[in-house]
Amino acid sequence: MDLKQYYEAMRKVRESIREDYPVVISLETADGGRAGVATEVSAEVAAKMVIEGRARLADAKESAAHRSEKAAARREAEERDAASRLQVRVVSEQDFRALKRGGERGS
C-alpha cells in the first residue's frame, strides 16, 4: 500500500469513529500480539491500529464493559489509597483525660 492509499484509508476510518477515545479490541498478530485485549485509545491511534490490522473497534456492549471495569478498578485504587492514609493513634486513658481537660479549657 502506498502512502497516499494508507492515509486515505486512515482518514476514512477516523471519520467513521464517533468518539474521541474509542475502545479497541486487539487482534492476534504474527509478531506476538494477543487477541481480545480491550484498550481505550485516541481516535487517531484507533484508526491506525484498524488499518494495520492490529485491532478492531469494540461494539457498544464491549465498550461499556471495558469502561465499567476501568471505573471499578479506579474506585478500588482510590479506596486503597485512602486506607493507606488513615492514621490511628492509641493513647492511654490518662493521656485521653489530659487531652479532654485541655480541650475543655480551650472552649
C-alpha atoms as a PDB file:
ATOM      1  CA  MET A   1       0.000   0.000   0.000  1.00  0.00           C
ATOM      2  CA  ASP A   2       1.465   3.345  -0.891  1.00  0.00           C
ATOM      3  CA  LEU A   3       1.338   6.286   1.496  1.00  0.00           C
ATOM      4  CA  LYS A   4      -1.482   8.053  -0.320  1.00  0.00           C
ATOM      5  CA  GLN A   5      -3.744   4.996  -0.023  1.00  0.00           C
ATOM      6  CA  TYR A   6      -2.672   4.434   3.583  1.00  0.00           C
ATOM      7  CA  TYR A   7      -3.547   7.944   4.728  1.00  0.00           C
ATOM      8  CA  GLU A   8      -6.777   7.963   2.695  1.00  0.00           C
ATOM      9  CA  ALA A   9      -7.816   4.743   4.425  1.00  0.00           C
ATOM     10  CA  MET A  10      -6.841   6.213   7.814  1.00  0.00           C
ATOM     11  CA  ARG A  11      -8.897   9.327   7.122  1.00  0.00           C
ATOM     12  CA  LYS A  12     -11.971   7.252   6.229  1.00  0.00           C
ATOM     13  CA  VAL A  13     -11.671   5.094   9.326  1.00  0.00           C
ATOM     14  CA  ARG A  14     -11.068   8.160  11.520  1.00  0.00           C
ATOM     15  CA  GLU A  15     -14.189   9.826  10.143  1.00  0.00           C
ATOM     16  CA  SER A  16     -16.241   6.723  10.941  1.00  0.00           C
ATOM     17  CA  ILE A  17     -15.179   6.807  14.607  1.00  0.00           C
ATOM     18  CA  ARG A  18     -17.683   8.876  16.605  1.00  0.00           C
ATOM     19  CA  GLU A  19     -15.815   9.042  19.920  1.00  0.00           C
ATOM     20  CA  ASP A  20     -12.653  10.946  20.820  1.00  0.00           C
ATOM     21  CA  TYR A  21     -11.406   7.940  22.806  1.00  0.00           C
ATOM     22  CA  PRO A  22     -12.906   4.710  21.460  1.00  0.00           C
ATOM     23  CA  VAL A  23     -12.245   1.245  22.827  1.00  0.00           C
ATOM     24  CA  VAL A  24     -10.385  -1.147  20.526  1.00  0.00           C
ATOM     25  CA  ILE A  25     -10.054  -4.913  20.837  1.00  0.00           C
ATOM     26  CA  SER A  26      -6.660  -6.290  19.860  1.00  0.00           C
ATOM     27  CA  LEU A  27      -6.284  -8.960  17.199  1.00  0.00           C
ATOM     28  CA  GLU A  28      -3.717 -11.738  17.133  1.00  0.00           C
ATOM     29  CA  THR A  29      -0.707 -10.700  15.073  1.00  0.00           C
ATOM     30  CA  ALA A  30       2.272 -12.531  13.641  1.00  0.00           C
ATOM     31  CA  ASP A  31       4.659 -10.592  15.879  1.00  0.00           C
ATOM     32  CA  GLY A  32       3.072 -11.915  19.082  1.00  0.00           C
ATOM     33  CA  GLY A  33       0.106  -9.597  19.588  1.00  0.00           C
ATOM     34  CA  ARG A  34      -2.535 -11.127  21.860  1.00  0.00           C
ATOM     35  CA  ALA A  35      -6.147 -11.185  20.735  1.00  0.00           C
ATOM     36  CA  GLY A  36      -9.008  -9.877  22.870  1.00  0.00           C
ATOM     37  CA  VAL A  37      -7.311  -7.173  24.930  1.00  0.00           C
ATOM     38  CA  ALA A  38      -9.540  -4.097  25.266  1.00  0.00           C
ATOM     39  CA  THR A  39      -7.876  -0.679  25.393  1.00  0.00           C
ATOM     40  CA  GLU A  40      -9.157   2.897  25.265  1.00  0.00           C
ATOM     41  CA  VAL A  41      -7.093   4.967  22.810  1.00  0.00           C
ATOM     42  CA  SER A  42      -7.368   8.205  20.867  1.00  0.00           C
ATOM     43  CA  ALA A  43      -9.376   8.094  17.644  1.00  0.00           C
ATOM     44  CA  GLU A  44      -6.221   8.616  15.584  1.00  0.00           C
ATOM     45  CA  VAL A  45      -4.444   5.669  17.212  1.00  0.00           C
ATOM     46  CA  ALA A  46      -7.582   3.548  16.838  1.00  0.00           C
ATOM     47  CA  ALA A  47      -7.739   4.329  13.109  1.00  0.00           C
ATOM     48  CA  LYS A  48      -4.066   3.410  12.710  1.00  0.00           C
ATOM     49  CA  MET A  49      -4.496   0.122  14.576  1.00  0.00           C
ATOM     50  CA  VAL A  50      -7.538  -0.810  12.487  1.00  0.00           C
ATOM     51  CA  ILE A  51      -5.773  -0.009   9.194  1.00  0.00           C
ATOM     52  CA  GLU A  52      -2.706  -2.010  10.224  1.00  0.00           C
ATOM     53  CA  GLY A  53      -4.848  -4.999  11.237  1.00  0.00           C
ATOM     54  CA  ARG A  54      -3.743  -4.881  14.865  1.00  0.00           C
ATOM     55  CA  ALA A  55      -7.188  -4.174  16.359  1.00  0.00           C
ATOM     56  CA  ARG A  56     -10.867  -3.726  15.658  1.00  0.00           C
ATOM     57  CA  LEU A  57     -13.279  -1.194  17.099  1.00  0.00           C
ATOM     58  CA  ALA A  58     -15.265  -2.502  20.059  1.00  0.00           C
ATOM     59  CA  ASP A  59     -19.030  -2.583  19.834  1.00  0.00           C
ATOM     60  CA  ALA A  60     -21.180  -0.664  22.334  1.00  0.00           C
ATOM     61  CA  LYS A  61     -21.507  -3.634  24.710  1.00  0.00           C
ATOM     62  CA  GLU A  62     -17.750  -4.279  24.778  1.00  0.00           C
ATOM     63  CA  SER A  63     -17.018  -0.562  25.308  1.00  0.00           C
ATOM     64  CA  ALA A  64     -19.462  -0.340  28.210  1.00  0.00           C
ATOM     65  CA  ALA A  65     -17.995  -3.452  29.851  1.00  0.00           C
ATOM     66  CA  HIS A  66     -14.425  -2.140  29.494  1.00  0.00           C
ATOM     67  CA  ARG A  67     -15.309   1.267  30.903  1.00  0.00           C
ATOM     68  CA  SER A  68     -17.214  -0.194  33.864  1.00  0.00           C
ATOM     69  CA  GLU A  69     -14.229  -2.455  34.684  1.00  0.00           C
ATOM     70  CA  LYS A  70     -11.932   0.549  34.419  1.00  0.00           C
ATOM     71  CA  ALA A  71     -14.179   2.599  36.733  1.00  0.00           C
ATOM     72  CA  ALA A  72     -14.310  -0.234  39.274  1.00  0.00           C
ATOM     73  CA  ALA A  73     -10.513  -0.539  39.227  1.00  0.00           C
ATOM     74  CA  ARG A  74     -10.177   3.231  39.717  1.00  0.00           C
ATOM     75  CA  ARG A  75     -12.571   3.178  42.706  1.00  0.00           C
ATOM     76  CA  GLU A  76     -10.665   0.265  44.240  1.00  0.00           C
ATOM     77  CA  ALA A  77      -7.350   2.083  43.820  1.00  0.00           C
ATOM     78  CA  GLU A  78      -8.788   5.239  45.405  1.00  0.00           C
ATOM     79  CA  GLU A  79     -10.109   3.220  48.355  1.00  0.00           C
ATOM     80  CA  ARG A  80      -6.701   1.568  48.849  1.00  0.00           C
ATOM     81  CA  ASP A  81      -5.045   4.975  48.696  1.00  0.00           C
ATOM     82  CA  ALA A  82      -7.465   6.425  51.252  1.00  0.00           C
ATOM     83  CA  ALA A  83      -6.971   3.419  53.545  1.00  0.00           C
ATOM     84  CA  SER A  84      -3.208   3.821  53.392  1.00  0.00           C
ATOM     85  CA  ARG A  85      -3.530   7.412  54.579  1.00  0.00           C
ATOM     86  CA  LEU A  86      -5.781   6.550  57.535  1.00  0.00           C
ATOM     87  CA  GLN A  87      -3.840   7.070  60.736  1.00  0.00           C
ATOM     88  CA  VAL A  88      -4.757   5.638  64.103  1.00  0.00           C
ATOM     89  CA  ARG A  89      -3.118   6.592  67.355  1.00  0.00           C
ATOM     90  CA  VAL A  90      -3.541   4.633  70.554  1.00  0.00           C
ATOM     91  CA  VAL A  91      -3.474   6.772  73.699  1.00  0.00           C
ATOM     92  CA  SER A  92      -3.629   5.773  77.301  1.00  0.00           C
ATOM     93  CA  GLU A  93      -6.639   6.643  79.429  1.00  0.00           C
ATOM     94  CA  GLN A  94      -4.525   9.165  81.357  1.00  0.00           C
ATOM     95  CA  ASP A  95      -3.460  10.905  78.129  1.00  0.00           C
ATOM     96  CA  PHE A  96      -7.061  10.883  76.905  1.00  0.00           C
ATOM     97  CA  ARG A  97      -8.251  12.596  80.079  1.00  0.00           C
ATOM     98  CA  ALA A  98      -5.452  15.145  79.783  1.00  0.00           C
ATOM     99  CA  LEU A  99      -6.444  15.869  76.194  1.00  0.00           C
ATOM    100  CA  LYS A 100     -10.097  16.125  77.196  1.00  0.00           C
ATOM    101  CA  ARG A 101      -9.309  18.561  80.005  1.00  0.00           C
ATOM    102  CA  GLY A 102      -7.139  20.608  77.679  1.00  0.00           C
ATOM    103  CA  GLY A 103      -9.979  20.781  75.165  1.00  0.00           C
ATOM    104  CA  GLU A 104     -12.446  21.945  77.832  1.00  0.00           C
ATOM    105  CA  ARG A 105     -10.135  24.708  78.968  1.00  0.00           C
ATOM    106  CA  GLY A 106      -9.723  25.943  75.414  1.00  0.00           C
ATOM    107  CA  SER A 107     -13.514  26.224  74.905  1.00  0.00           C
END
